[in-house]
PDB file of N, CA and C in Angstrom:
ATOM      1  N   UNK A   1       5.413 -32.659  24.273  1.00  0.00           N
ATOM      2  CA  UNK A   1       5.302 -33.981  23.668  1.00  0.00           C
ATOM      3  C   UNK A   1       4.900 -35.038  24.681  1.00  0.00           C
ATOM      4  N   UNK A   2       5.152 -34.800  25.955  1.00  0.00           N
ATOM      5  CA  UNK A   2       4.854 -35.835  26.942  1.00  0.00           C
ATOM      6  C   UNK A   2       3.358 -36.059  27.098  1.00  0.00           C
ATOM      7  N   UNK A   3       2.560 -34.991  27.048  1.00  0.00           N
ATOM      8  CA  UNK A   3       1.119 -35.196  27.172  1.00  0.00           C
ATOM      9  C   UNK A   3       0.560 -35.891  25.944  1.00  0.00           C
ATOM     10  N   UNK A   4       1.204 -35.677  24.780  1.00  0.00           N
ATOM     11  CA  UNK A   4       0.763 -36.379  23.579  1.00  0.00           C
ATOM     12  C   UNK A   4       1.078 -37.863  23.681  1.00  0.00           C
ATOM     13  N   UNK A   5       2.249 -38.176  24.192  1.00  0.00           N
ATOM     14  CA  UNK A   5       2.634 -39.580  24.325  1.00  0.00           C
ATOM     15  C   UNK A   5       1.791 -40.286  25.379  1.00  0.00           C
ATOM     16  N   UNK A   6       1.458 -39.585  26.446  1.00  0.00           N
ATOM     17  CA  UNK A   6       0.630 -40.201  27.475  1.00  0.00           C
ATOM     18  C   UNK A   6      -0.811 -40.398  27.009  1.00  0.00           C
ATOM     19  N   UNK A   7      -1.205 -39.738  25.934  1.00  0.00           N
ATOM     20  CA  UNK A   7      -2.538 -39.979  25.393  1.00  0.00           C
ATOM     21  C   UNK A   7      -2.536 -41.081  24.336  1.00  0.00           C
ATOM     22  N   UNK A   8      -1.364 -41.469  23.868  1.00  0.00           N
ATOM     23  CA  UNK A   8      -1.246 -42.516  22.848  1.00  0.00           C
ATOM     24  C   UNK A   8      -0.946 -43.871  23.472  1.00  0.00           C
ATOM     25  N   UNK A   9      -0.101 -43.912  24.476  1.00  0.00           N
ATOM     26  CA  UNK A   9       0.328 -45.175  25.079  1.00  0.00           C
ATOM     27  C   UNK A   9      -0.799 -46.024  25.673  1.00  0.00           C
ATOM     28  N   UNK A  10      -1.835 -45.439  26.280  1.00  0.00           N
ATOM     29  CA  UNK A  10      -2.918 -46.310  26.785  1.00  0.00           C
ATOM     30  C   UNK A  10      -3.622 -47.107  25.691  1.00  0.00           C
ATOM     31  N   UNK A  11      -3.727 -46.528  24.506  1.00  0.00           N
ATOM     32  CA  UNK A  11      -4.358 -47.253  23.395  1.00  0.00           C
ATOM     33  C   UNK A  11      -3.479 -48.414  22.969  1.00  0.00           C
ATOM     34  N   UNK A  12      -2.181 -48.185  22.929  1.00  0.00           N
ATOM     35  CA  UNK A  12      -1.262 -49.277  22.597  1.00  0.00           C
ATOM     36  C   UNK A  12      -1.301 -50.355  23.671  1.00  0.00           C
ATOM     37  N   UNK A  13      -1.437 -49.950  24.913  1.00  0.00           N
ATOM     38  CA  UNK A  13      -1.520 -50.924  26.007  1.00  0.00           C
ATOM     39  C   UNK A  13      -2.781 -51.778  25.867  1.00  0.00           C
ATOM     40  N   UNK A  14      -3.878 -51.169  25.464  1.00  0.00           N
ATOM     41  CA  UNK A  14      -5.116 -51.932  25.244  1.00  0.00           C
ATOM     42  C   UNK A  14      -4.905 -52.962  24.136  1.00  0.00           C
ATOM     43  N   UNK A  15      -4.201 -52.578  23.084  1.00  0.00           N
ATOM     44  CA  UNK A  15      -3.930 -53.513  21.987  1.00  0.00           C
ATOM     45  C   UNK A  15      -3.052 -54.671  22.444  1.00  0.00           C
ATOM     46  N   UNK A  16      -2.032 -54.376  23.242  1.00  0.00           N
ATOM     47  CA  UNK A  16      -1.135 -55.433  23.735  1.00  0.00           C
ATOM     48  C   UNK A  16      -1.887 -56.362  24.676  1.00  0.00           C
ATOM     49  N   UNK A  17      -2.637 -55.799  25.609  1.00  0.00           N
ATOM     50  CA  UNK A  17      -3.400 -56.617  26.556  1.00  0.00           C
ATOM     51  C   UNK A  17      -4.440 -57.450  25.829  1.00  0.00           C
ATOM     52  N   UNK A  18      -5.111 -56.851  24.850  1.00  0.00           N
ATOM     53  CA  UNK A  18      -6.100 -57.598  24.067  1.00  0.00           C
ATOM     54  C   UNK A  18      -5.471 -58.735  23.291  1.00  0.00           C
ATOM     55  N   UNK A  19      -4.300 -58.502  22.706  1.00  0.00           N
ATOM     56  CA  UNK A  19      -3.620 -59.560  21.946  1.00  0.00           C
ATOM     57  C   UNK A  19      -3.201 -60.703  22.854  1.00  0.00           C
ATOM     58  N   UNK A  20      -2.702 -60.370  24.032  1.00  0.00           N
ATOM     59  CA  UNK A  20      -2.304 -61.423  24.982  1.00  0.00           C
ATOM     60  C   UNK A  20      -3.532 -62.206  25.444  1.00  0.00           C
ATOM     61  N   UNK A  21      -4.610 -61.513  25.734  1.00  0.00           N
ATOM     62  CA  UNK A  21      -5.828 -62.208  26.165  1.00  0.00           C
ATOM     63  C   UNK A  21      -6.392 -63.100  25.068  1.00  0.00           C
ATOM     64  N   UNK A  22      -6.296 -62.657  23.821  1.00  0.00           N
ATOM     65  CA  UNK A  22      -6.746 -63.500  22.711  1.00  0.00           C
ATOM     66  C   UNK A  22      -5.931 -64.784  22.671  1.00  0.00           C
ATOM     67  N   UNK A  23      -4.627 -64.658  22.811  1.00  0.00           N
ATOM     68  CA  UNK A  23      -3.771 -65.839  22.768  1.00  0.00           C
ATOM     69  C   UNK A  23      -3.974 -66.777  23.929  1.00  0.00           C
ATOM     70  N   UNK A  24      -4.315 -66.236  25.095  1.00  0.00           N
ATOM     71  CA  UNK A  24      -4.449 -67.064  26.295  1.00  0.00           C
ATOM     72  C   UNK A  24      -5.846 -67.669  26.416  1.00  0.00           C
ATOM     73  N   UNK A  25      -6.859 -66.881  26.175  1.00  0.00           N
ATOM     74  CA  UNK A  25      -8.226 -67.316  26.464  1.00  0.00           C
ATOM     75  C   UNK A  25      -8.929 -67.949  25.260  1.00  0.00           C
ATOM     76  N   UNK A  26      -8.720 -67.385  24.084  1.00  0.00           N
ATOM     77  CA  UNK A  26      -9.482 -67.807  22.913  1.00  0.00           C
ATOM     78  C   UNK A  26      -8.970 -69.126  22.339  1.00  0.00           C
ATOM     79  N   UNK A  27      -9.866 -69.811  21.666  1.00  0.00           N
ATOM     80  CA  UNK A  27      -9.493 -71.028  20.934  1.00  0.00           C
ATOM     81  C   UNK A  27      -8.772 -70.617  19.653  1.00  0.00           C
ATOM     82  N   UNK A  28      -7.834 -71.438  19.182  1.00  0.00           N
ATOM     83  CA  UNK A  28      -7.086 -71.068  17.969  1.00  0.00           C
ATOM     84  C   UNK A  28      -7.970 -70.790  16.750  1.00  0.00           C
ATOM     85  N   UNK A  29      -9.103 -71.427  16.659  1.00  0.00           N
ATOM     86  CA  UNK A  29      -9.995 -71.187  15.525  1.00  0.00           C
ATOM     87  C   UNK A  29     -10.652 -69.808  15.593  1.00  0.00           C
ATOM     88  N   UNK A  30     -10.683 -69.210  16.777  1.00  0.00           N
ATOM     89  CA  UNK A  30     -11.341 -67.920  16.965  1.00  0.00           C
ATOM     90  C   UNK A  30     -10.387 -66.735  16.995  1.00  0.00           C
ATOM     91  N   UNK A  31      -9.101 -66.948  16.761  1.00  0.00           N
ATOM     92  CA  UNK A  31      -8.134 -65.851  16.821  1.00  0.00           C
ATOM     93  C   UNK A  31      -8.500 -64.729  15.847  1.00  0.00           C
ATOM     94  N   UNK A  32      -8.801 -65.098  14.614  1.00  0.00           N
ATOM     95  CA  UNK A  32      -9.074 -64.089  13.595  1.00  0.00           C
ATOM     96  C   UNK A  32     -10.442 -63.442  13.753  1.00  0.00           C
ATOM     97  N   UNK A  33     -11.255 -63.966  14.648  1.00  0.00           N
ATOM     98  CA  UNK A  33     -12.530 -63.325  14.963  1.00  0.00           C
ATOM     99  C   UNK A  33     -12.342 -62.241  16.006  1.00  0.00           C
ATOM    100  N   UNK A  34     -11.470 -62.484  16.966  1.00  0.00           N
ATOM    101  CA  UNK A  34     -11.307 -61.555  18.081  1.00  0.00           C
ATOM    102  C   UNK A  34     -10.370 -60.394  17.800  1.00  0.00           C
ATOM    103  N   UNK A  35      -9.438 -60.554  16.889  1.00  0.00           N
ATOM    104  CA  UNK A  35      -8.486 -59.469  16.600  1.00  0.00           C
ATOM    105  C   UNK A  35      -9.200 -58.215  16.086  1.00  0.00           C
ATOM    106  N   UNK A  36     -10.133 -58.308  15.139  1.00  0.00           N
ATOM    107  CA  UNK A  36     -10.836 -57.087  14.720  1.00  0.00           C
ATOM    108  C   UNK A  36     -11.681 -56.461  15.830  1.00  0.00           C
ATOM    109  N   UNK A  37     -12.169 -57.275  16.743  1.00  0.00           N
ATOM    110  CA  UNK A  37     -12.947 -56.737  17.859  1.00  0.00           C
ATOM    111  C   UNK A  37     -12.040 -55.926  18.779  1.00  0.00           C
ATOM    112  N   UNK A  38     -10.843 -56.424  19.033  1.00  0.00           N
ATOM    113  CA  UNK A  38      -9.881 -55.669  19.844  1.00  0.00           C
ATOM    114  C   UNK A  38      -9.467 -54.397  19.117  1.00  0.00           C
ATOM    115  N   UNK A  39      -9.290 -54.471  17.801  1.00  0.00           N
ATOM    116  CA  UNK A  39      -8.934 -53.272  17.039  1.00  0.00           C
ATOM    117  C   UNK A  39     -10.049 -52.230  17.103  1.00  0.00           C
ATOM    118  N   UNK A  40     -11.283 -52.666  17.015  1.00  0.00           N
ATOM    119  CA  UNK A  40     -12.411 -51.732  17.150  1.00  0.00           C
ATOM    120  C   UNK A  40     -12.416 -51.077  18.532  1.00  0.00           C
ATOM    121  N   UNK A  41     -12.092 -51.852  19.555  1.00  0.00           N
ATOM    122  CA  UNK A  41     -12.024 -51.290  20.909  1.00  0.00           C
ATOM    123  C   UNK A  41     -10.903 -50.259  21.027  1.00  0.00           C
ATOM    124  N   UNK A  42      -9.787 -50.497  20.344  1.00  0.00           N
ATOM    125  CA  UNK A  42      -8.702 -49.518  20.394  1.00  0.00           C
ATOM    126  C   UNK A  42      -9.068 -48.243  19.644  1.00  0.00           C
ATOM    127  N   UNK A  43      -9.797 -48.362  18.556  1.00  0.00           N
ATOM    128  CA  UNK A  43     -10.221 -47.167  17.821  1.00  0.00           C
ATOM    129  C   UNK A  43     -11.178 -46.337  18.667  1.00  0.00           C
ATOM    130  N   UNK A  44     -12.143 -46.996  19.286  1.00  0.00           N
ATOM    131  CA  UNK A  44     -13.088 -46.276  20.137  1.00  0.00           C
ATOM    132  C   UNK A  44     -12.379 -45.636  21.316  1.00  0.00           C
ATOM    133  N   UNK A  45     -11.469 -46.373  21.940  1.00  0.00           N
ATOM    134  CA  UNK A  45     -10.751 -45.811  23.084  1.00  0.00           C
ATOM    135  C   UNK A  45      -9.829 -44.671  22.658  1.00  0.00           C
ATOM    136  N   UNK A  46      -9.264 -44.736  21.459  1.00  0.00           N
ATOM    137  CA  UNK A  46      -8.421 -43.640  20.971  1.00  0.00           C
ATOM    138  C   UNK A  46      -9.241 -42.360  20.838  1.00  0.00           C
ATOM    139  N   UNK A  47     -10.416 -42.464  20.256  1.00  0.00           N
ATOM    140  CA  UNK A  47     -11.264 -41.282  20.126  1.00  0.00           C
ATOM    141  C   UNK A  47     -11.738 -40.766  21.483  1.00  0.00           C
ATOM    142  N   UNK A  48     -12.084 -41.656  22.377  1.00  0.00           N
ATOM    143  CA  UNK A  48     -12.531 -41.227  23.705  1.00  0.00           C
ATOM    144  C   UNK A  48     -11.403 -40.494  24.440  1.00  0.00           C
ATOM    145  N   UNK A  49     -10.216 -41.057  24.409  1.00  0.00           N
ATOM    146  CA  UNK A  49      -9.083 -40.429  25.105  1.00  0.00           C
ATOM    147  C   UNK A  49      -8.741 -39.082  24.472  1.00  0.00           C
ATOM    148  N   UNK A  50      -8.693 -39.029  23.147  1.00  0.00           N
ATOM    149  CA  UNK A  50      -8.315 -37.779  22.491  1.00  0.00           C
ATOM    150  C   UNK A  50      -9.378 -36.700  22.644  1.00  0.00           C
ATOM    151  N   UNK A  51     -10.639 -37.084  22.658  1.00  0.00           N
ATOM    152  CA  UNK A  51     -11.693 -36.097  22.879  1.00  0.00           C
ATOM    153  C   UNK A  51     -11.744 -35.652  24.334  1.00  0.00           C
ATOM    154  N   UNK A  52     -11.340 -36.512  25.246  1.00  0.00           N
ATOM    155  CA  UNK A  52     -11.319 -36.142  26.663  1.00  0.00           C
ATOM    156  C   UNK A  52     -10.221 -35.127  26.957  1.00  0.00           C
ATOM    157  N   UNK A  53      -9.158 -35.128  26.162  1.00  0.00           N
ATOM    158  CA  UNK A  53      -8.069 -34.164  26.349  1.00  0.00           C
ATOM    159  C   UNK A  53      -8.542 -32.749  26.033  1.00  0.00           C
ATOM    160  N   UNK A  54      -9.432 -32.621  25.067  1.00  0.00           N
ATOM    161  CA  UNK A  54     -10.021 -31.341  24.678  1.00  0.00           C
ATOM    162  C   UNK A  54      -8.993 -30.366  24.116  1.00  0.00           C
ATOM    163  N   UNK A  55      -8.048 -30.875  23.347  1.00  0.00           N
ATOM    164  CA  UNK A  55      -7.083 -30.021  22.643  1.00  0.00           C
ATOM    165  C   UNK A  55      -7.255 -30.240  21.149  1.00  0.00           C
ATOM    166  N   UNK A  56      -7.389 -29.161  20.432  1.00  0.00           N
ATOM    167  CA  UNK A  56      -7.579 -29.267  18.992  1.00  0.00           C
ATOM    168  C   UNK A  56      -6.271 -29.507  18.251  1.00  0.00           C
ATOM    169  N   UNK A  57      -5.213 -28.890  18.707  1.00  0.00           N
ATOM    170  CA  UNK A  57      -3.952 -28.988  17.986  1.00  0.00           C
ATOM    171  C   UNK A  57      -3.375 -30.403  18.061  1.00  0.00           C
ATOM    172  N   UNK A  58      -3.141 -30.966  16.891  1.00  0.00           N
ATOM    173  CA  UNK A  58      -2.556 -32.298  16.819  1.00  0.00           C
ATOM    174  C   UNK A  58      -3.530 -33.444  16.995  1.00  0.00           C
ATOM    175  N   UNK A  59      -4.831 -33.167  16.942  1.00  0.00           N
ATOM    176  CA  UNK A  59      -5.833 -34.222  17.156  1.00  0.00           C
ATOM    177  C   UNK A  59      -5.676 -35.356  16.150  1.00  0.00           C
ATOM    178  N   UNK A  60      -5.580 -35.004  14.891  1.00  0.00           N
ATOM    179  CA  UNK A  60      -5.498 -36.025  13.839  1.00  0.00           C
ATOM    180  C   UNK A  60      -4.216 -36.840  13.980  1.00  0.00           C
ATOM    181  N   UNK A  61      -3.121 -36.176  14.304  1.00  0.00           N
ATOM    182  CA  UNK A  61      -1.846 -36.875  14.453  1.00  0.00           C
ATOM    183  C   UNK A  61      -1.905 -37.830  15.643  1.00  0.00           C
ATOM    184  N   UNK A  62      -2.507 -37.412  16.748  1.00  0.00           N
ATOM    185  CA  UNK A  62      -2.597 -38.275  17.925  1.00  0.00           C
ATOM    186  C   UNK A  62      -3.505 -39.478  17.664  1.00  0.00           C
ATOM    187  N   UNK A  63      -4.629 -39.262  16.998  1.00  0.00           N
ATOM    188  CA  UNK A  63      -5.524 -40.385  16.672  1.00  0.00           C
ATOM    189  C   UNK A  63      -4.848 -41.326  15.687  1.00  0.00           C
ATOM    190  N   UNK A  64      -4.149 -40.758  14.720  1.00  0.00           N
ATOM    191  CA  UNK A  64      -3.457 -41.586  13.744  1.00  0.00           C
ATOM    192  C   UNK A  64      -2.348 -42.413  14.401  1.00  0.00           C
ATOM    193  N   UNK A  65      -1.609 -41.806  15.319  1.00  0.00           N
ATOM    194  CA  UNK A  65      -0.555 -42.536  16.017  1.00  0.00           C
ATOM    195  C   UNK A  65      -1.141 -43.623  16.911  1.00  0.00           C
ATOM    196  N   UNK A  66      -2.252 -43.322  17.559  1.00  0.00           N
ATOM    197  CA  UNK A  66      -2.892 -44.310  18.433  1.00  0.00           C
ATOM    198  C   UNK A  66      -3.406 -45.504  17.644  1.00  0.00           C
ATOM    199  N   UNK A  67      -4.168 -45.233  16.595  1.00  0.00           N
ATOM    200  CA  UNK A  67      -4.751 -46.331  15.824  1.00  0.00           C
ATOM    201  C   UNK A  67      -3.719 -47.029  14.950  1.00  0.00           C
ATOM    202  N   UNK A  68      -2.779 -46.277  14.408  1.00  0.00           N
ATOM    203  CA  UNK A  68      -1.728 -46.895  13.600  1.00  0.00           C
ATOM    204  C   UNK A  68      -0.836 -47.811  14.415  1.00  0.00           C
ATOM    205  N   UNK A  69      -0.483 -47.365  15.611  1.00  0.00           N
ATOM    206  CA  UNK A  69       0.326 -48.205  16.489  1.00  0.00           C
ATOM    207  C   UNK A  69      -0.395 -49.458  16.914  1.00  0.00           C
ATOM    208  N   UNK A  70      -1.682 -49.312  17.222  1.00  0.00           N
ATOM    209  CA  UNK A  70      -2.444 -50.500  17.618  1.00  0.00           C
ATOM    210  C   UNK A  70      -2.644 -51.443  16.440  1.00  0.00           C
ATOM    211  N   UNK A  71      -2.738 -50.902  15.238  1.00  0.00           N
ATOM    212  CA  UNK A  71      -2.835 -51.753  14.051  1.00  0.00           C
ATOM    213  C   UNK A  71      -1.558 -52.562  13.862  1.00  0.00           C
ATOM    214  N   UNK A  72      -0.412 -51.934  14.041  1.00  0.00           N
ATOM    215  CA  UNK A  72       0.870 -52.646  13.913  1.00  0.00           C
ATOM    216  C   UNK A  72       0.993 -53.712  14.997  1.00  0.00           C
ATOM    217  N   UNK A  73       0.633 -53.367  16.223  1.00  0.00           N
ATOM    218  CA  UNK A  73       0.698 -54.329  17.333  1.00  0.00           C
ATOM    219  C   UNK A  73      -0.190 -55.532  17.051  1.00  0.00           C
ATOM    220  N   UNK A  74      -1.405 -55.280  16.608  1.00  0.00           N
ATOM    221  CA  UNK A  74      -2.330 -56.390  16.355  1.00  0.00           C
ATOM    222  C   UNK A  74      -1.938 -57.174  15.105  1.00  0.00           C
ATOM    223  N   UNK A  75      -1.320 -56.536  14.126  1.00  0.00           N
ATOM    224  CA  UNK A  75      -0.828 -57.272  12.942  1.00  0.00           C
ATOM    225  C   UNK A  75       0.294 -58.223  13.342  1.00  0.00           C
ATOM    226  N   UNK A  76       1.202 -57.755  14.191  1.00  0.00           N
ATOM    227  CA  UNK A  76       2.275 -58.630  14.680  1.00  0.00           C
ATOM    228  C   UNK A  76       1.706 -59.753  15.529  1.00  0.00           C
ATOM    229  N   UNK A  77       0.724 -59.433  16.356  1.00  0.00           N
ATOM    230  CA  UNK A  77       0.101 -60.467  17.188  1.00  0.00           C
ATOM    231  C   UNK A  77      -0.616 -61.497  16.329  1.00  0.00           C
ATOM    232  N   UNK A  78      -1.252 -61.043  15.254  1.00  0.00           N
ATOM    233  CA  UNK A  78      -1.933 -61.974  14.352  1.00  0.00           C
ATOM    234  C   UNK A  78      -0.918 -62.909  13.679  1.00  0.00           C
ATOM    235  N   UNK A  79       0.200 -62.362  13.267  1.00  0.00           N
ATOM    236  CA  UNK A  79       1.234 -63.187  12.643  1.00  0.00           C
ATOM    237  C   UNK A  79       1.761 -64.230  13.624  1.00  0.00           C
ATOM    238  N   UNK A  80       1.932 -63.841  14.870  1.00  0.00           N
ATOM    239  CA  UNK A  80       2.419 -64.792  15.886  1.00  0.00           C
ATOM    240  C   UNK A  80       1.358 -65.840  16.184  1.00  0.00           C
ATOM    241  N   UNK A  81       0.117 -65.421  16.338  1.00  0.00           N
ATOM    242  CA  UNK A  81      -0.947 -66.357  16.675  1.00  0.00           C
ATOM    243  C   UNK A  81      -1.221 -67.349  15.554  1.00  0.00           C
ATOM    244  N   UNK A  82      -1.154 -66.897  14.309  1.00  0.00           N
ATOM    245  CA  UNK A  82      -1.387 -67.802  13.198  1.00  0.00           C
ATOM    246  C   UNK A  82      -0.234 -68.780  13.049  1.00  0.00           C
ATOM    247  N   UNK A  83       0.981 -68.328  13.339  1.00  0.00           N
ATOM    248  CA  UNK A  83       2.152 -69.196  13.224  1.00  0.00           C
ATOM    249  C   UNK A  83       2.160 -70.272  14.293  1.00  0.00           C
ATOM    250  N   UNK A  84       1.570 -69.995  15.439  1.00  0.00           N
ATOM    251  CA  UNK A  84       1.587 -70.949  16.540  1.00  0.00           C
ATOM    252  C   UNK A  84       0.483 -71.905  16.407  1.00  0.00           C
TER     253      UNK A  84
END
């Protein structure tokens, strides 16, 4: 399970870093423009990381966990950014 978790956590880290950068750098009017771009980057990075592992077993579960987790992170970040 540790190699599976180490392939999922970098995608979540990209989502967290992207959300923080959106809040710090972007103008409030552009928050909802940048969140989908960060989500697209997490999806691409999830596929790149999972394909680089070259293991067939559990591929769908790992991609689903990576993208699902980043979706939850970015949804929470969107709620915080819109509230502020």
